[in-house]
Protein backbone atom coordinates (compact mmCIF):
# COMPACT_ATOMS: atom_id res chain seq x y z
CA UNK A 1 -26.27 -15.31 10.57
CA UNK A 2 -22.88 -13.63 11.38
CA UNK A 3 -20.90 -16.71 10.30
CA UNK A 4 -22.93 -16.79 6.99
CA UNK A 5 -21.79 -13.21 6.45
CA UNK A 6 -18.22 -13.96 7.12
CA UNK A 7 -18.29 -17.01 4.79
CA UNK A 8 -19.90 -14.92 1.94
CA UNK A 9 -17.24 -12.24 2.50
CA UNK A 10 -14.46 -14.79 2.41
CA UNK A 11 -15.70 -16.40 -0.70
CA UNK A 12 -16.02 -12.91 -2.41
CA UNK A 13 -12.36 -11.92 -1.60
CA UNK A 14 -11.21 -15.42 -2.80
CA UNK A 15 -12.87 -15.05 -6.21
CA UNK A 16 -11.39 -11.44 -6.64
CA UNK A 17 -7.87 -12.38 -5.48
CA UNK A 18 -6.38 -11.01 -8.67
CA UNK A 19 -8.51 -7.81 -8.45
CA UNK A 20 -7.71 -4.59 -6.74
CA UNK A 21 -11.29 -3.74 -5.81
CA UNK A 22 -13.30 -5.42 -2.99
CA UNK A 23 -16.66 -4.83 -1.26
CA UNK A 24 -15.85 -2.84 1.92
CA UNK A 25 -16.15 -5.26 4.84
CA UNK A 26 -18.22 -4.44 7.99
CA UNK A 27 -16.35 -2.18 10.52
CA UNK A 28 -15.36 -5.22 12.59
CA UNK A 29 -13.52 -6.78 9.85
CA UNK A 30 -10.24 -5.35 8.86
CA UNK A 31 -8.83 -7.74 6.01
CA UNK A 32 -9.47 -7.81 2.35
CA UNK A 33 -7.89 -9.88 -0.56
CA UNK A 34 -6.16 -13.22 -0.60
CA UNK A 35 -2.61 -14.61 -0.83
CA UNK A 36 -2.16 -16.88 -3.84
CA UNK A 37 0.54 -18.91 -5.39
CA UNK A 38 1.22 -18.89 -9.16
CA UNK A 39 3.89 -20.53 -11.36
CA UNK A 40 6.30 -18.31 -13.29
CA UNK A 41 6.71 -18.85 -17.03
CA UNK A 42 10.10 -18.80 -18.84
CA UNK A 43 9.60 -15.22 -20.00
CA UNK A 44 8.58 -13.65 -16.70
CA UNK A 45 10.58 -11.64 -14.27
CA UNK A 46 9.37 -11.17 -10.83
CA UNK A 47 8.66 -7.56 -11.58
CA UNK A 48 6.54 -8.57 -14.58
CA UNK A 49 4.47 -10.74 -12.14
CA UNK A 50 4.21 -8.01 -9.62
CA UNK A 51 2.85 -5.49 -12.11
CA UNK A 52 0.28 -8.02 -13.44
CA UNK A 53 -1.03 -8.66 -10.09
CA UNK A 54 -0.98 -5.00 -8.74
CA UNK A 55 2.00 -5.59 -6.47
CA UNK A 56 4.91 -3.24 -5.89
CA UNK A 57 8.63 -4.31 -6.31
CA UNK A 58 9.75 -4.36 -2.61
CA UNK A 59 6.45 -6.30 -1.69
CA UNK A 60 6.98 -8.97 -4.19
CA UNK A 61 10.59 -9.34 -3.26
CA UNK A 62 9.82 -9.65 0.51
CA UNK A 63 7.07 -12.26 -0.19
CA UNK A 64 9.64 -14.21 -2.31
CA UNK A 65 13.02 -13.73 -0.80
CA UNK A 66 14.59 -16.86 -2.38
CA UNK A 67 13.25 -16.20 -6.07
CA UNK A 68 15.56 -14.42 -8.48
CA UNK A 69 13.95 -11.20 -9.51
CA UNK A 70 15.20 -11.30 -13.06
CA UNK A 71 15.32 -14.99 -13.96
CA UNK A 72 12.76 -17.05 -12.01
CA UNK A 73 12.95 -20.49 -13.79
CA UNK A 74 10.02 -21.99 -15.64
CA UNK A 75 7.43 -23.26 -12.99
CA UNK A 76 8.92 -21.43 -9.90
CA UNK A 77 6.22 -20.98 -7.33
CA UNK A 78 5.64 -17.23 -6.72
CA UNK A 79 3.66 -15.90 -3.82
CA UNK A 80 1.36 -13.06 -4.63
CA UNK A 81 0.85 -11.14 -1.42
CA UNK A 82 -2.56 -9.88 -2.33
CA UNK A 83 -4.13 -9.78 1.03
CA UNK A 84 -4.17 -6.65 3.13
CA UNK A 85 -5.10 -5.34 6.69
CA UNK A 86 -6.77 -2.07 6.16
CA UNK A 87 -4.88 0.77 7.78
CA UNK A 88 -6.08 2.22 10.95
CA UNK A 89 -7.63 5.48 9.63
CA UNK A 90 -11.01 6.74 8.68
CA UNK A 91 -12.42 4.69 5.83
CA UNK A 92 -13.06 7.56 3.48
CA UNK A 93 -11.24 8.98 0.43
CA UNK A 94 -7.59 8.26 -0.17
CA UNK A 95 -5.57 6.50 2.61
CA UNK A 96 -1.75 5.96 1.86
CA UNK A 97 0.30 3.89 4.11
CA UNK A 98 3.90 5.03 3.57
CA UNK A 99 5.89 2.09 4.91
CA UNK A 100 3.55 -0.31 3.03
CA UNK A 101 4.00 1.80 -0.08
CA UNK A 102 0.31 1.26 -0.84
CA UNK A 103 -2.67 3.37 -1.43
CA UNK A 104 -6.35 2.61 -0.51
CA UNK A 105 -9.33 4.36 -1.97
CA UNK A 106 -12.68 4.30 0.00
CA UNK A 107 -14.94 5.80 -2.61
CA UNK A 108 -18.44 7.06 -1.95
CA UNK A 109 -20.98 4.32 -2.88
CA UNK A 110 -23.08 4.81 -5.82
CA UNK A 111 -26.91 4.73 -5.07
CA UNK A 112 -28.07 1.17 -4.65
CA UNK A 113 -24.48 -0.24 -4.57
CA UNK A 114 -22.32 -1.49 -1.80
CA UNK A 115 -19.08 0.51 -0.73
CA UNK A 116 -15.89 -0.71 -2.08
CA UNK A 117 -12.13 -0.23 -1.35
CA UNK A 118 -9.69 0.02 -4.19
CA UNK A 119 -5.88 -0.44 -3.58
CA UNK A 120 -2.76 0.08 -5.60
CA UNK A 121 0.94 -0.09 -4.93
CA UNK A 122 2.84 3.18 -4.97
CA UNK A 123 6.35 4.50 -4.80
CA UNK A 124 7.16 7.14 -2.21
CA UNK A 125 9.85 9.76 -1.44
CA UNK A 126 13.42 8.75 -0.66
CA UNK A 127 14.77 9.43 2.66
CA UNK A 128 16.24 12.78 1.67
CA UNK A 129 13.03 13.68 -0.06
CA UNK A 130 10.51 12.20 2.29
CA UNK A 131 6.73 12.22 1.57
CA UNK A 132 4.95 14.45 4.16
CA UNK A 133 2.43 12.67 6.53
CA UNK A 134 -0.80 14.24 7.64
CA UNK A 135 -4.16 15.11 6.03
CA UNK A 136 -4.72 16.95 2.68
CA UNK A 137 -7.08 16.91 -0.28
CA UNK A 138 -6.95 16.52 -3.96
CA UNK A 139 -7.19 20.06 -5.28
CA UNK A 140 -7.07 19.46 -9.01
CA UNK A 141 -6.62 16.78 -11.67
CA UNK A 142 -4.67 17.01 -14.88
CA UNK A 143 -4.43 14.69 -17.91
CA UNK A 144 -1.20 14.85 -20.02
CA UNK A 145 0.41 17.22 -17.47
CA UNK A 146 3.41 19.32 -18.05
CA UNK A 147 6.45 18.89 -15.56
CA UNK A 148 8.27 22.01 -14.48
CA UNK A 149 11.38 20.75 -12.66
CA UNK A 150 12.02 22.72 -9.44
CA UNK A 151 15.36 24.41 -8.77
CA UNK A 152 16.23 21.71 -6.09
CA UNK A 153 16.02 18.90 -8.71
CA UNK A 154 17.94 20.88 -11.36
CA UNK A 155 20.80 21.44 -8.77
CA UNK A 156 20.76 17.71 -7.73
CA UNK A 157 21.06 16.66 -11.43
CA UNK A 158 24.07 18.98 -11.97
CA UNK A 159 25.79 17.91 -8.69
CA UNK A 160 25.27 14.25 -9.74
CA UNK A 161 27.06 14.91 -13.08
CA UNK A 162 23.91 14.30 -15.10
CA UNK A 163 22.65 16.40 -18.02
CA UNK A 164 20.95 19.54 -16.76
CA UNK A 165 17.12 19.36 -16.49
CA UNK A 166 15.12 21.48 -19.02
CA UNK A 167 12.91 24.29 -17.71
CA UNK A 168 9.80 22.52 -19.02
CA UNK A 169 9.04 18.92 -19.95
CA UNK A 170 5.84 18.78 -22.17
CA UNK A 171 3.51 15.85 -22.12
CA UNK A 172 4.83 12.80 -23.70
CA UNK A 173 6.36 9.30 -23.19
CA UNK A 174 9.35 10.69 -21.44
CA UNK A 175 7.53 12.97 -19.03
CA UNK A 176 8.18 11.68 -15.45
CA UNK A 177 4.61 12.46 -14.42
CA UNK A 178 3.16 10.10 -16.89
CA UNK A 179 -0.20 10.82 -18.41
CA UNK A 180 -2.22 11.48 -15.38
CA UNK A 181 -1.74 13.51 -12.18
CA UNK A 182 -3.65 14.25 -9.02
CA UNK A 183 -2.42 17.51 -7.43
CA UNK A 184 -2.62 17.61 -3.51
CA UNK A 185 -3.15 20.40 -1.11
CA UNK A 186 0.38 20.00 0.14
CA UNK A 187 2.15 22.39 -2.25
CA UNK A 188 4.45 20.55 -4.71
CA UNK A 189 3.22 16.99 -4.04
CA UNK A 190 1.22 14.88 -6.46
CA UNK A 191 -0.11 11.40 -7.12
CA UNK A 192 0.92 10.65 -10.67
CA UNK A 193 1.98 8.07 -13.26
CA UNK A 194 5.49 7.44 -14.41
CA UNK A 195 7.78 6.62 -17.32
CA UNK A 196 9.63 4.15 -15.26
CA UNK A 197 6.98 1.62 -14.04
CA UNK A 198 9.55 -0.99 -12.68
CA UNK A 199 10.21 1.38 -9.79
CA UNK A 200 6.69 1.22 -8.34
CA UNK A 201 6.70 -0.02 -4.82
CA UNK A 202 10.13 1.47 -3.97
CA UNK A 203 11.48 4.65 -2.21
CA UNK A 204 12.63 6.32 -5.35
CA UNK A 205 10.75 9.59 -5.80
CA UNK A 206 11.44 13.22 -4.65
CA UNK A 207 8.43 13.17 -2.44
CA UNK A 208 5.60 12.58 -4.82
CA UNK A 209 3.58 9.31 -5.06
CA UNK A 210 4.02 7.31 -8.23
CA UNK A 211 1.65 4.62 -9.68
CA UNK A 212 1.71 2.08 -12.44
CA UNK A 213 0.40 3.95 -15.54
CA UNK A 214 -2.73 1.70 -15.77
CA UNK A 215 -3.42 2.17 -12.19
CA UNK A 216 -3.38 5.97 -12.03
CA UNK A 217 -5.54 6.03 -15.25
CA UNK A 218 -8.29 4.11 -13.49
CA UNK A 219 -7.88 6.22 -10.28
CA UNK A 220 -7.79 9.48 -12.21
CA UNK A 221 -11.38 8.75 -13.33
CA UNK A 222 -12.60 7.49 -10.01
CA UNK A 223 -11.37 10.18 -7.66
CA UNK A 224 -13.06 13.63 -7.62
CA UNK A 225 -11.48 16.94 -6.79
CA UNK A 226 -11.77 17.68 -3.04
CA UNK A 227 -11.35 13.96 -2.05
CA UNK A 228 -9.68 13.82 1.30
CA UNK A 229 -6.28 12.26 1.52
CA UNK A 230 -4.70 10.72 4.68
CA UNK A 231 -1.03 9.78 4.74
CA UNK A 232 -0.10 7.55 7.57
CA UNK A 233 3.06 5.79 8.95
CA UNK A 234 1.99 2.27 10.01
CA UNK A 235 4.75 -0.44 9.55
CA UNK A 236 2.73 -2.47 12.06
CA UNK A 237 -0.82 -3.20 11.04
CA UNK A 238 -3.21 -5.18 13.17
CA UNK A 239 -6.86 -6.28 12.30
CA UNK A 240 -9.72 -8.49 12.90
CA UNK A 241 -11.14 -11.35 10.82
CA UNK A 242 -13.90 -13.72 12.24
CA UNK A 243 -12.94 -12.81 15.82
CA UNK A 244 -9.19 -13.63 15.27
CA UNK A 245 -6.46 -11.15 15.39
CA UNK A 246 -3.93 -10.78 12.52
CA UNK A 247 -0.78 -8.79 12.21
CA UNK A 248 0.97 -7.45 9.06
CA UNK A 249 4.50 -6.19 9.28
CA UNK A 250 6.62 -4.06 7.06
CA UNK A 251 10.12 -2.64 7.49
CA UNK A 252 9.90 0.83 9.03
CA UNK A 253 10.77 3.85 7.10
CA UNK A 254 14.65 4.31 7.02
CA UNK A 255 14.33 7.63 9.17
CA UNK A 256 12.44 5.57 11.83
CA UNK A 257 14.82 2.61 11.93
CA UNK A 258 16.57 3.63 15.21
CA UNK A 259 13.19 3.93 16.89
CA UNK A 260 12.33 0.25 15.87
CA UNK A 261 15.81 -1.30 15.65
CA UNK A 262 16.78 -1.79 19.38
CA UNK A 263 13.77 -3.80 20.15
CA UNK A 264 11.41 -4.42 17.27
CA UNK A 265 9.37 -7.04 19.26
CA UNK A 266 8.76 -4.56 22.11
CA UNK A 267 7.29 -2.16 19.48
CA UNK A 268 5.07 -4.82 18.23
CA UNK A 269 3.78 -5.73 21.62
CA UNK A 270 3.08 -2.14 22.37
CA UNK A 271 1.16 -1.85 19.19
CA UNK A 272 -0.87 -5.00 19.89
CA UNK A 273 -1.71 -3.74 23.48
CA UNK A 274 -2.80 -0.38 22.02
CA UNK A 275 -4.84 -1.90 19.35
CA UNK A 276 -6.68 -4.18 21.62
CA UNK A 277 -7.40 -1.26 23.95
CA UNK A 278 -8.92 1.04 21.10
CA UNK A 279 -12.50 1.29 20.49
CA UNK A 280 -13.95 -0.07 17.21
CA UNK A 281 -15.21 2.99 15.27
CA UNK A 282 -16.52 4.56 18.60
CA UNK A 283 -18.02 1.37 19.88
CA UNK A 284 -16.58 -0.84 22.66
CA UNK A 285 -14.57 -3.82 21.50
CA UNK A 286 -16.42 -7.09 21.30
CA UNK A 287 -16.28 -8.78 24.78
CA UNK A 288 -15.22 -12.02 23.17
CA UNK A 289 -11.89 -10.34 22.17
CA UNK A 290 -11.04 -8.93 25.55
CA UNK A 291 -9.59 -12.26 26.72
CA UNK A 292 -7.76 -13.01 23.43
CA UNK A 293 -4.56 -15.09 23.79
CA UNK A 294 -1.53 -14.44 21.55
CA UNK A 295 0.15 -17.27 19.82
CA UNK A 296 3.81 -16.48 20.67
CA UNK A 297 5.31 -18.78 18.07
CA UNK A 298 3.17 -17.28 15.32
CA UNK A 299 4.06 -13.83 16.44
CA UNK A 300 7.81 -14.47 16.65
CA UNK A 301 7.68 -16.00 13.19
CA UNK A 302 5.86 -12.90 11.81
CA UNK A 303 8.46 -10.57 13.36
CA UNK A 304 11.27 -12.72 11.94
CA UNK A 305 9.84 -12.83 8.43
CA UNK A 306 8.44 -9.23 8.34
CA UNK A 307 7.16 -9.95 4.91
CA UNK A 308 4.12 -7.77 4.52
CA UNK A 309 1.60 -10.62 4.58
CA UNK A 310 -1.19 -10.73 7.27
CA UNK A 311 -0.53 -13.47 9.81
CA UNK A 312 -2.97 -15.13 12.30
CA UNK A 313 -1.42 -14.45 15.82
CA UNK A 314 -4.32 -15.34 18.11
CA UNK A 315 -5.04 -18.76 19.45
């Protein structure tokens, strides 16, 4: 019975590989989506392809390190890294994993329907304007928001030799907030659209979370006020699928590089040990997992590539 359920779940995620919405798996399954390979056409840039498939810029580049981002030739194979290990967090509301630069929305299921998880790429704050971690909520929503640049940004623009920022930027095509904004309980921080969509999936903001215009438009209608928001820092993600252990690795945030840089493999091993010791939603880990054997070659390759794609690391 269990193997049948896993097969059905695998088939479902395969058919929805291009989508950003999946049926939420059981608590003992942590992976959704599917990696696929497509062929670039002559007019495509790698960033065009990323946007089409709901992938951020850094993620598409990490998955395709030898493909020219601006001129992939006709027929070039492009990996779409559309498979994800769900972050280790309560599966409710918005969960944002900063190193991954990805947002997950665990919505309340409608009556008679199965719960789903929705995921989108985001941009996060630069090192000098880092996005704060922790828990907050969506306190209000605004369509066609007005942007009032804070004094800190006005000062930065002048020091950089750029034209001074206006006191108020009205709604319109040049508004940096785009057409939709979710205001968070952490003062001054928003999840919003953008007038520069090619920067999605990078550390380019002043602390806010940017999304592709089409993604925030959908999310705006789906997320109610008072939705809980969890911002986490998980460059090392681990998860189960069919009793097998997978790892998904992302470069740590710049401010954490020293912590990981000296012995990244040691950090990975500590994360694996900690993950295996944890309970699964308050229940003891399946006894079949207690004697799991790590495939050292697969683990070393995953650490070497660090490409943001889930990798099987158990034998």
